[in-house]
Amino acid sequence: VQAGGSLRLSCAASGRTFSSYAMGWFRQAPGKEREFVAG
């Protein structure tokens, strides 16, 4: 996307009581450590 644009990322989970899990998003750029984005 171009700067200023938007996306909606989705994460589909298998069953097994999905509602009992805390979730998070992380990101990693080349040469960088994986970093927390949102939880």
PDB file of all heavy atoms in Angstrom:
ATOM      1  N   VAL A   1       0.836  -1.194   0.000  1.00  0.00           N
ATOM      2  CA  VAL A   1       0.000   0.000   0.000  1.00  0.00           C
ATOM      3  C   VAL A   1       0.871   1.244   0.000  1.00  0.00           C
ATOM      4  O   VAL A   1       2.043   1.208   0.368  1.00  0.00           O
ATOM      5  CB  VAL A   1      -0.955   0.041   1.210  1.00  0.00           C
ATOM      6  CG1 VAL A   1      -1.893  -1.150   1.197  1.00  0.00           C
ATOM      7  CG2 VAL A   1      -0.158   0.068   2.506  1.00  0.00           C
ATOM      8  N   GLN A   2       0.282   2.347  -0.405  1.00  0.00           N
ATOM      9  CA  GLN A   2       0.969   3.625  -0.364  1.00  0.00           C
ATOM     10  C   GLN A   2       0.884   4.222   1.034  1.00  0.00           C
ATOM     11  O   GLN A   2      -0.014   3.903   1.809  1.00  0.00           O
ATOM     12  CB  GLN A   2       0.358   4.593  -1.372  1.00  0.00           C
ATOM     13  CG  GLN A   2       0.535   4.183  -2.822  1.00  0.00           C
ATOM     14  CD  GLN A   2      -0.042   5.196  -3.788  1.00  0.00           C
ATOM     15  OE1 GLN A   2      -0.804   6.086  -3.402  1.00  0.00           O
ATOM     16  NE2 GLN A   2       0.317   5.070  -5.053  1.00  0.00           N
ATOM     17  N   ALA A   3       1.826   5.077   1.357  1.00  0.00           N
ATOM     18  CA  ALA A   3       1.798   5.768   2.638  1.00  0.00           C
ATOM     19  C   ALA A   3       0.453   6.460   2.833  1.00  0.00           C
ATOM     20  O   ALA A   3      -0.083   7.081   1.916  1.00  0.00           O
ATOM     21  CB  ALA A   3       2.932   6.777   2.713  1.00  0.00           C
ATOM     22  N   GLY A   4      -0.090   6.335   4.040  1.00  0.00           N
ATOM     23  CA  GLY A   4      -1.388   6.897   4.344  1.00  0.00           C
ATOM     24  C   GLY A   4      -2.537   5.941   4.123  1.00  0.00           C
ATOM     25  O   GLY A   4      -3.675   6.234   4.519  1.00  0.00           O
ATOM     26  N   GLY A   5      -2.268   4.804   3.530  1.00  0.00           N
ATOM     27  CA  GLY A   5      -3.296   3.827   3.252  1.00  0.00           C
ATOM     28  C   GLY A   5      -3.648   2.985   4.460  1.00  0.00           C
ATOM     29  O   GLY A   5      -3.074   3.130   5.538  1.00  0.00           O
ATOM     30  N   SER A   6      -4.593   2.074   4.261  1.00  0.00           N
ATOM     31  CA  SER A   6      -5.093   1.239   5.348  1.00  0.00           C
ATOM     32  C   SER A   6      -5.205  -0.212   4.912  1.00  0.00           C
ATOM     33  O   SER A   6      -5.366  -0.523   3.730  1.00  0.00           O
ATOM     34  CB  SER A   6      -6.479   1.717   5.795  1.00  0.00           C
ATOM     35  OG  SER A   6      -6.444   3.038   6.283  1.00  0.00           O
ATOM     36  N   LEU A   7      -5.129  -1.084   5.892  1.00  0.00           N
ATOM     37  CA  LEU A   7      -5.334  -2.511   5.694  1.00  0.00           C
ATOM     38  C   LEU A   7      -6.047  -3.065   6.917  1.00  0.00           C
ATOM     39  O   LEU A   7      -5.987  -2.481   7.998  1.00  0.00           O
ATOM     40  CB  LEU A   7      -4.011  -3.254   5.520  1.00  0.00           C
ATOM     41  CG  LEU A   7      -3.205  -3.034   4.247  1.00  0.00           C
ATOM     42  CD1 LEU A   7      -1.817  -3.659   4.416  1.00  0.00           C
ATOM     43  CD2 LEU A   7      -3.908  -3.639   3.048  1.00  0.00           C
ATOM     44  N   ARG A   8      -6.704  -4.191   6.751  1.00  0.00           N
ATOM     45  CA  ARG A   8      -7.213  -4.930   7.885  1.00  0.00           C
ATOM     46  C   ARG A   8      -6.611  -6.322   7.866  1.00  0.00           C
ATOM     47  O   ARG A   8      -6.903  -7.118   6.971  1.00  0.00           O
ATOM     48  CB  ARG A   8      -8.738  -5.027   7.897  1.00  0.00           C
ATOM     49  CG  ARG A   8      -9.255  -5.602   9.220  1.00  0.00           C
ATOM     50  CD  ARG A   8     -10.762  -5.672   9.310  1.00  0.00           C
ATOM     51  NE  ARG A   8     -11.307  -6.765   8.522  1.00  0.00           N
ATOM     52  CZ  ARG A   8     -12.518  -7.286   8.707  1.00  0.00           C
ATOM     53  NH1 ARG A   8     -13.314  -6.791   9.661  1.00  0.00           N
ATOM     54  NH2 ARG A   8     -12.937  -8.265   7.930  1.00  0.00           N
ATOM     55  N   LEU A   9      -5.773  -6.588   8.832  1.00  0.00           N
ATOM     56  CA  LEU A   9      -5.162  -7.895   8.964  1.00  0.00           C
ATOM     57  C   LEU A   9      -6.082  -8.799   9.771  1.00  0.00           C
ATOM     58  O   LEU A   9      -6.701  -8.366  10.740  1.00  0.00           O
ATOM     59  CB  LEU A   9      -3.804  -7.793   9.658  1.00  0.00           C
ATOM     60  CG  LEU A   9      -2.817  -6.765   9.095  1.00  0.00           C
ATOM     61  CD1 LEU A   9      -1.487  -6.866   9.827  1.00  0.00           C
ATOM     62  CD2 LEU A   9      -2.627  -6.953   7.598  1.00  0.00           C
ATOM     63  N   SER A  10      -6.154 -10.052   9.379  1.00  0.00           N
ATOM     64  CA  SER A  10      -6.985 -11.016  10.073  1.00  0.00           C
ATOM     65  C   SER A  10      -6.149 -12.197  10.528  1.00  0.00           C
ATOM     66  O   SER A  10      -5.168 -12.572   9.880  1.00  0.00           O
ATOM     67  CB  SER A  10      -8.112 -11.524   9.164  1.00  0.00           C
ATOM     68  OG  SER A  10      -8.977 -10.478   8.790  1.00  0.00           O
ATOM     69  N   CYS A  11      -6.542 -12.775  11.629  1.00  0.00           N
ATOM     70  CA  CYS A  11      -5.902 -13.970  12.165  1.00  0.00           C
ATOM     71  C   CYS A  11      -6.995 -14.954  12.519  1.00  0.00           C
ATOM     72  O   CYS A  11      -7.743 -14.741  13.478  1.00  0.00           O
ATOM     73  CB  CYS A  11      -5.061 -13.622  13.393  1.00  0.00           C
ATOM     74  SG  CYS A  11      -4.366 -15.048  14.256  1.00  0.00           S
ATOM     75  N   ALA A  12      -7.102 -16.007  11.739  1.00  0.00           N
ATOM     76  CA  ALA A  12      -8.105 -17.036  11.971  1.00  0.00           C
ATOM     77  C   ALA A  12      -7.495 -18.167  12.785  1.00  0.00           C
ATOM     78  O   ALA A  12      -6.445 -18.706  12.426  1.00  0.00           O
ATOM     79  CB  ALA A  12      -8.638 -17.565  10.647  1.00  0.00           C
ATOM     80  N   ALA A  13      -8.141 -18.518  13.868  1.00  0.00           N
ATOM     81  CA  ALA A  13      -7.647 -19.553  14.768  1.00  0.00           C
ATOM     82  C   ALA A  13      -8.491 -20.811  14.671  1.00  0.00           C
ATOM     83  O   ALA A  13      -9.695 -20.752  14.429  1.00  0.00           O
ATOM     84  CB  ALA A  13      -7.642 -19.045  16.209  1.00  0.00           C
ATOM     85  N   SER A  14      -7.852 -21.938  14.847  1.00  0.00           N
ATOM     86  CA  SER A  14      -8.587 -23.186  14.965  1.00  0.00           C
ATOM     87  C   SER A  14      -9.362 -23.168  16.271  1.00  0.00           C
ATOM     88  O   SER A  14      -9.097 -22.336  17.149  1.00  0.00           O
ATOM     89  CB  SER A  14      -7.630 -24.373  14.906  1.00  0.00           C
ATOM     90  OG  SER A  14      -6.737 -24.348  16.005  1.00  0.00           O
ATOM     91  N   GLY A  15     -10.297 -24.085  16.396  1.00  0.00           N
ATOM     92  CA  GLY A  15     -11.150 -24.120  17.571  1.00  0.00           C
ATOM     93  C   GLY A  15     -10.392 -24.175  18.879  1.00  0.00           C
ATOM     94  O   GLY A  15      -9.529 -23.333  19.156  1.00  0.00           O
ATOM     95  N   ARG A  16     -10.706 -25.167  19.667  1.00  0.00           N
ATOM     96  CA  ARG A  16     -10.036 -25.377  20.944  1.00  0.00           C
ATOM     97  C   ARG A  16     -10.149 -24.153  21.838  1.00  0.00           C
ATOM     98  O   ARG A  16      -9.153 -23.543  22.229  1.00  0.00           O
ATOM     99  CB  ARG A  16      -8.568 -25.767  20.752  1.00  0.00           C
ATOM    100  CG  ARG A  16      -7.915 -26.290  22.002  1.00  0.00           C
ATOM    101  CD  ARG A  16      -6.499 -26.778  21.739  1.00  0.00           C
ATOM    102  NE  ARG A  16      -5.840 -27.215  22.944  1.00  0.00           N
ATOM    103  CZ  ARG A  16      -4.609 -27.699  22.998  1.00  0.00           C
ATOM    104  NH1 ARG A  16      -3.900 -27.823  21.882  1.00  0.00           N
ATOM    105  NH2 ARG A  16      -4.090 -28.071  24.156  1.00  0.00           N
ATOM    106  N   THR A  17     -11.351 -23.785  22.141  1.00  0.00           N
ATOM    107  CA  THR A  17     -11.655 -22.691  23.068  1.00  0.00           C
ATOM    108  C   THR A  17     -10.843 -21.439  22.783  1.00  0.00           C
ATOM    109  O   THR A  17     -10.076 -20.965  23.631  1.00  0.00           O
ATOM    110  CB  THR A  17     -11.468 -23.137  24.532  1.00  0.00           C
ATOM    111  OG1 THR A  17     -10.116 -23.573  24.736  1.00  0.00           O
ATOM    112  CG2 THR A  17     -12.425 -24.250  24.879  1.00  0.00           C
ATOM    113  N   PHE A  18     -11.007 -20.892  21.591  1.00  0.00           N
ATOM    114  CA  PHE A  18     -10.324 -19.681  21.194  1.00  0.00           C
ATOM    115  C   PHE A  18     -10.527 -18.551  22.194  1.00  0.00           C
ATOM    116  O   PHE A  18      -9.609 -17.765  22.450  1.00  0.00           O
ATOM    117  CB  PHE A  18     -10.814 -19.256  19.804  1.00  0.00           C
ATOM    118  CG  PHE A  18     -10.324 -17.917  19.358  1.00  0.00           C
ATOM    119  CD1 PHE A  18      -9.029 -17.761  18.898  1.00  0.00           C
ATOM    120  CD2 PHE A  18     -11.159 -16.808  19.380  1.00  0.00           C
ATOM    121  CE1 PHE A  18      -8.568 -16.531  18.467  1.00  0.00           C
ATOM    122  CE2 PHE A  18     -10.716 -15.568  18.953  1.00  0.00           C
ATOM    123  CZ  PHE A  18      -9.413 -15.433  18.493  1.00  0.00           C
ATOM    124  N   SER A  19     -11.695 -18.467  22.768  1.00  0.00           N
ATOM    125  CA  SER A  19     -12.001 -17.369  23.672  1.00  0.00           C
ATOM    126  C   SER A  19     -11.185 -17.397  24.957  1.00  0.00           C
ATOM    127  O   SER A  19     -11.151 -16.405  25.682  1.00  0.00           O
ATOM    128  CB  SER A  19     -13.496 -17.358  24.007  1.00  0.00           C
ATOM    129  OG  SER A  19     -13.878 -18.553  24.661  1.00  0.00           O
ATOM    130  N   SER A  20     -10.521 -18.496  25.247  1.00  0.00           N
ATOM    131  CA  SER A  20      -9.726 -18.596  26.463  1.00  0.00           C
ATOM    132  C   SER A  20      -8.285 -18.128  26.273  1.00  0.00           C
ATOM    133  O   SER A  20      -7.489 -18.194  27.206  1.00  0.00           O
ATOM    134  CB  SER A  20      -9.733 -20.029  26.985  1.00  0.00           C
ATOM    135  OG  SER A  20      -9.034 -20.895  26.108  1.00  0.00           O
ATOM    136  N   TYR A  21      -7.944 -17.644  25.090  1.00  0.00           N
ATOM    137  CA  TYR A  21      -6.584 -17.220  24.782  1.00  0.00           C
ATOM    138  C   TYR A  21      -6.481 -15.713  24.658  1.00  0.00           C
ATOM    139  O   TYR A  21      -7.296 -15.072  23.997  1.00  0.00           O
ATOM    140  CB  TYR A  21      -6.115 -17.842  23.469  1.00  0.00           C
ATOM    141  CG  TYR A  21      -5.858 -19.325  23.536  1.00  0.00           C
ATOM    142  CD1 TYR A  21      -6.896 -20.236  23.441  1.00  0.00           C
ATOM    143  CD2 TYR A  21      -4.563 -19.808  23.691  1.00  0.00           C
ATOM    144  CE1 TYR A  21      -6.664 -21.599  23.510  1.00  0.00           C
ATOM    145  CE2 TYR A  21      -4.320 -21.170  23.751  1.00  0.00           C
ATOM    146  CZ  TYR A  21      -5.368 -22.059  23.661  1.00  0.00           C
ATOM    147  OH  TYR A  21      -5.122 -23.416  23.718  1.00  0.00           O
ATOM    148  N   ALA A  22      -5.452 -15.171  25.276  1.00  0.00           N
ATOM    149  CA  ALA A  22      -5.069 -13.804  24.972  1.00  0.00           C
ATOM    150  C   ALA A  22      -4.321 -13.805  23.639  1.00  0.00           C
ATOM    151  O   ALA A  22      -3.666 -14.788  23.283  1.00  0.00           O
ATOM    152  CB  ALA A  22      -4.187 -13.227  26.079  1.00  0.00           C
ATOM    153  N   MET A  23      -4.406 -12.709  22.909  1.00  0.00           N
ATOM    154  CA  MET A  23      -3.852 -12.648  21.566  1.00  0.00           C
ATOM    155  C   MET A  23      -2.993 -11.403  21.396  1.00  0.00           C
ATOM    156  O   MET A  23      -3.135 -10.422  22.131  1.00  0.00           O
ATOM    157  CB  MET A  23      -4.972 -12.625  20.523  1.00  0.00           C
ATOM    158  CG  MET A  23      -5.980 -13.753  20.633  1.00  0.00           C
ATOM    159  SD  MET A  23      -5.322 -15.338  20.053  1.00  0.00           S
ATOM    160  CE  MET A  23      -5.190 -15.019  18.287  1.00  0.00           C
ATOM    161  N   GLY A  24      -2.128 -11.449  20.398  1.00  0.00           N
ATOM    162  CA  GLY A  24      -1.307 -10.290  20.122  1.00  0.00           C
ATOM    163  C   GLY A  24      -0.837 -10.255  18.687  1.00  0.00           C
ATOM    164  O   GLY A  24      -0.884 -11.256  17.964  1.00  0.00           O
ATOM    165  N   TRP A  25      -0.414  -9.075  18.276  1.00  0.00           N
ATOM    166  CA  TRP A  25       0.234  -8.878  16.988  1.00  0.00           C
ATOM    167  C   TRP A  25       1.657  -8.386  17.216  1.00  0.00           C
ATOM    168  O   TRP A  25       1.887  -7.483  18.031  1.00  0.00           O
ATOM    169  CB  TRP A  25      -0.508  -7.848  16.138  1.00  0.00           C
ATOM    170  CG  TRP A  25      -1.815  -8.310  15.580  1.00  0.00           C
ATOM    171  CD1 TRP A  25      -3.048  -8.108  16.093  1.00  0.00           C
ATOM    172  CD2 TRP A  25      -1.996  -9.055  14.367  1.00  0.00           C
ATOM    173  NE1 TRP A  25      -4.006  -8.673  15.294  1.00  0.00           N
ATOM    174  CE2 TRP A  25      -3.385  -9.262  14.220  1.00  0.00           C
ATOM    175  CE3 TRP A  25      -1.130  -9.563  13.390  1.00  0.00           C
ATOM    176  CZ2 TRP A  25      -3.927  -9.956  13.137  1.00  0.00           C
ATOM    177  CZ3 TRP A  25      -1.671 -10.252  12.319  1.00  0.00           C
ATOM    178  CH2 TRP A  25      -3.053 -10.442  12.205  1.00  0.00           C
ATOM    179  N   PHE A  26       2.590  -8.977  16.500  1.00  0.00           N
ATOM    180  CA  PHE A  26       3.983  -8.566  16.511  1.00  0.00           C
ATOM    181  C   PHE A  26       4.422  -8.315  15.080  1.00  0.00           C
ATOM    182  O   PHE A  26       3.794  -8.780  14.139  1.00  0.00           O
ATOM    183  CB  PHE A  26       4.867  -9.643  17.146  1.00  0.00           C
ATOM    184  CG  PHE A  26       4.651  -9.821  18.620  1.00  0.00           C
ATOM    185  CD1 PHE A  26       3.551 -10.511  19.096  1.00  0.00           C
ATOM    186  CD2 PHE A  26       5.556  -9.301  19.530  1.00  0.00           C
ATOM    187  CE1 PHE A  26       3.340 -10.683  20.453  1.00  0.00           C
ATOM    188  CE2 PHE A  26       5.366  -9.468  20.898  1.00  0.00           C
ATOM    189  CZ  PHE A  26       4.262 -10.151  21.358  1.00  0.00           C
ATOM    190  N   ARG A  27       5.521  -7.601  14.910  1.00  0.00           N
ATOM    191  CA  ARG A  27       6.046  -7.386  13.576  1.00  0.00           C
ATOM    192  C   ARG A  27       7.565  -7.441  13.599  1.00  0.00           C
ATOM    193  O   ARG A  27       8.199  -7.169  14.607  1.00  0.00           O
ATOM    194  CB  ARG A  27       5.575  -6.052  12.990  1.00  0.00           C
ATOM    195  CG  ARG A  27       6.107  -4.816  13.704  1.00  0.00           C
ATOM    196  CD  ARG A  27       5.450  -3.554  13.140  1.00  0.00           C
ATOM    197  NE  ARG A  27       5.964  -2.348  13.757  1.00  0.00           N
ATOM    198  CZ  ARG A  27       5.478  -1.128  13.542  1.00  0.00           C
ATOM    199  NH1 ARG A  27       4.447  -0.963  12.711  1.00  0.00           N
ATOM    200  NH2 ARG A  27       6.016  -0.084  14.153  1.00  0.00           N
ATOM    201  N   GLN A  28       8.127  -7.798  12.460  1.00  0.00           N
ATOM    202  CA  GLN A  28       9.570  -7.896  12.340  1.00  0.00           C
ATOM    203  C   GLN A  28      10.001  -7.433  10.960  1.00  0.00           C
ATOM    204  O   GLN A  28       9.542  -7.961   9.952  1.00  0.00           O
ATOM    205  CB  GLN A  28      10.040  -9.328  12.588  1.00  0.00           C
ATOM    206  CG  GLN A  28      11.544  -9.475  12.657  1.00  0.00           C
ATOM    207  CD  GLN A  28      11.966 -10.830  13.194  1.00  0.00           C
ATOM    208  OE1 GLN A  28      11.207 -11.792  13.146  1.00  0.00           O
ATOM    209  NE2 GLN A  28      13.177 -10.908  13.716  1.00  0.00           N
ATOM    210  N   ALA A  29      10.875  -6.452  10.937  1.00  0.00           N
ATOM    211  CA  ALA A  29      11.447  -5.948   9.702  1.00  0.00           C
ATOM    212  C   ALA A  29      12.825  -6.570   9.502  1.00  0.00           C
ATOM    213  O   ALA A  29      13.467  -7.008  10.469  1.00  0.00           O
ATOM    214  CB  ALA A  29      11.547  -4.431   9.744  1.00  0.00           C
ATOM    215  N   PRO A  30      13.319  -6.612   8.265  1.00  0.00           N
ATOM    216  CA  PRO A  30      14.644  -7.187   8.022  1.00  0.00           C
ATOM    217  C   PRO A  30      15.720  -6.528   8.875  1.00  0.00           C
ATOM    218  O   PRO A  30      15.799  -5.303   8.958  1.00  0.00           O
ATOM    219  CB  PRO A  30      14.867  -6.906   6.537  1.00  0.00           C
ATOM    220  CG  PRO A  30      13.494  -6.857   5.953  1.00  0.00           C
ATOM    221  CD  PRO A  30      12.661  -6.197   7.025  1.00  0.00           C
ATOM    222  N   GLY A  31      16.523  -7.342   9.538  1.00  0.00           N
ATOM    223  CA  GLY A  31      17.589  -6.833  10.374  1.00  0.00           C
ATOM    224  C   GLY A  31      17.144  -6.303  11.717  1.00  0.00           C
ATOM    225  O   GLY A  31      17.976  -5.796  12.482  1.00  0.00           O
ATOM    226  N   LYS A  32      15.863  -6.406  12.017  1.00  0.00           N
ATOM    227  CA  LYS A  32      15.320  -5.900  13.276  1.00  0.00           C
ATOM    228  C   LYS A  32      14.808  -7.039  14.146  1.00  0.00           C
ATOM    229  O   LYS A  32      14.519  -8.131  13.664  1.00  0.00           O
ATOM    230  CB  LYS A  32      14.170  -4.923  13.010  1.00  0.00           C
ATOM    231  CG  LYS A  32      14.522  -3.736  12.131  1.00  0.00           C
ATOM    232  CD  LYS A  32      15.373  -2.729  12.865  1.00  0.00           C
ATOM    233  CE  LYS A  32      15.570  -1.479  12.020  1.00  0.00           C
ATOM    234  NZ  LYS A  32      16.357  -0.448  12.734  1.00  0.00           N
ATOM    235  N   GLU A  33      14.692  -6.772  15.435  1.00  0.00           N
ATOM    236  CA  GLU A  33      14.098  -7.737  16.347  1.00  0.00           C
ATOM    237  C   GLU A  33      12.581  -7.704  16.225  1.00  0.00           C
ATOM    238  O   GLU A  33      11.996  -6.692  15.839  1.00  0.00           O
ATOM    239  CB  GLU A  33      14.504  -7.437  17.794  1.00  0.00           C
ATOM    240  CG  GLU A  33      15.981  -7.615  18.080  1.00  0.00           C
ATOM    241  CD  GLU A  33      16.311  -7.402  19.538  1.00  0.00           C
ATOM    242  OE1 GLU A  33      15.525  -6.737  20.240  1.00  0.00           O
ATOM    243  OE2 GLU A  33      17.353  -7.906  19.986  1.00  0.00           O
ATOM    244  N   ARG A  34      11.964  -8.813  16.555  1.00  0.00           N
ATOM    245  CA  ARG A  34      10.516  -8.855  16.568  1.00  0.00           C
ATOM    246  C   ARG A  34       9.995  -7.948  17.681  1.00  0.00           C
ATOM    247  O   ARG A  34      10.460  -8.011  18.820  1.00  0.00           O
ATOM    248  CB  ARG A  34      10.034 -10.288  16.778  1.00  0.00           C
ATOM    249  CG  ARG A  34       8.539 -10.471  16.626  1.00  0.00           C
ATOM    250  CD  ARG A  34       8.168 -11.952  16.588  1.00  0.00           C
ATOM    251  NE  ARG A  34       8.793 -12.634  15.470  1.00  0.00           N
ATOM    252  CZ  ARG A  34       8.572 -13.902  15.148  1.00  0.00           C
ATOM    253  NH1 ARG A  34       7.719 -14.631  15.868  1.00  0.00           N
ATOM    254  NH2 ARG A  34       9.199 -14.453  14.119  1.00  0.00           N
ATOM    255  N   GLU A  35       9.032  -7.106  17.360  1.00  0.00           N
ATOM    256  CA  GLU A  35       8.533  -6.148  18.324  1.00  0.00           C
ATOM    257  C   GLU A  35       7.029  -6.250  18.502  1.00  0.00           C
ATOM    258  O   GLU A  35       6.289  -6.587  17.578  1.00  0.00           O
ATOM    259  CB  GLU A  35       8.910  -4.717  17.921  1.00  0.00           C
ATOM    260  CG  GLU A  35       8.264  -4.232  16.637  1.00  0.00           C
ATOM    261  CD  GLU A  35       8.537  -2.765  16.348  1.00  0.00           C
ATOM    262  OE1 GLU A  35       8.963  -2.038  17.268  1.00  0.00           O
ATOM    263  OE2 GLU A  35       8.325  -2.342  15.190  1.00  0.00           O
ATOM    264  N   PHE A  36       6.597  -5.925  19.698  1.00  0.00           N
ATOM    265  CA  PHE A  36       5.188  -5.921  20.037  1.00  0.00           C
ATOM    266  C   PHE A  36       4.470  -4.793  19.322  1.00  0.00           C
ATOM    267  O   PHE A  36       4.972  -3.673  19.248  1.00  0.00           O
ATOM    268  CB  PHE A  36       5.029  -5.763  21.549  1.00  0.00           C
ATOM    269  CG  PHE A  36       3.627  -5.570  22.014  1.00  0.00           C
ATOM    270  CD1 PHE A  36       2.756  -6.640  22.113  1.00  0.00           C
ATOM    271  CD2 PHE A  36       3.164  -4.314  22.375  1.00  0.00           C
ATOM    272  CE1 PHE A  36       1.460  -6.476  22.556  1.00  0.00           C
ATOM    273  CE2 PHE A  36       1.876  -4.128  22.817  1.00  0.00           C
ATOM    274  CZ  PHE A  36       1.021  -5.217  22.908  1.00  0.00           C
ATOM    275  N   VAL A  37       3.293  -5.085  18.805  1.00  0.00           N
ATOM    276  CA  VAL A  37       2.464  -4.085  18.147  1.00  0.00           C
ATOM    277  C   VAL A  37       1.189  -3.815  18.944  1.00  0.00           C
ATOM    278  O   VAL A  37       0.885  -2.671  19.279  1.00  0.00           O
ATOM    279  CB  VAL A  37       2.091  -4.513  16.717  1.00  0.00           C
ATOM    280  CG1 VAL A  37       1.142  -3.504  16.080  1.00  0.00           C
ATOM    281  CG2 VAL A  37       3.346  -4.674  15.869  1.00  0.00           C
ATOM    282  N   ALA A  38       0.444  -4.859  19.244  1.00  0.00           N
ATOM    283  CA  ALA A  38      -0.819  -4.712  19.956  1.00  0.00           C
ATOM    284  C   ALA A  38      -1.193  -6.029  20.612  1.00  0.00           C
ATOM    285  O   ALA A  38      -0.826  -7.097  20.131  1.00  0.00           O
ATOM    286  CB  ALA A  38      -1.939  -4.259  19.016  1.00  0.00           C
ATOM    287  N   GLY A  39      -1.936  -5.952  21.703  1.00  0.00           N
ATOM    288  CA  GLY A  39      -2.402  -7.137  22.390  1.00  0.00           C
ATOM    289  C   GLY A  39      -3.829  -6.962  22.855  1.00  0.00           C
ATOM    290  O   GLY A  39      -4.314  -5.840  23.002  1.00  0.00           O
TER     291      GLY A  39
END
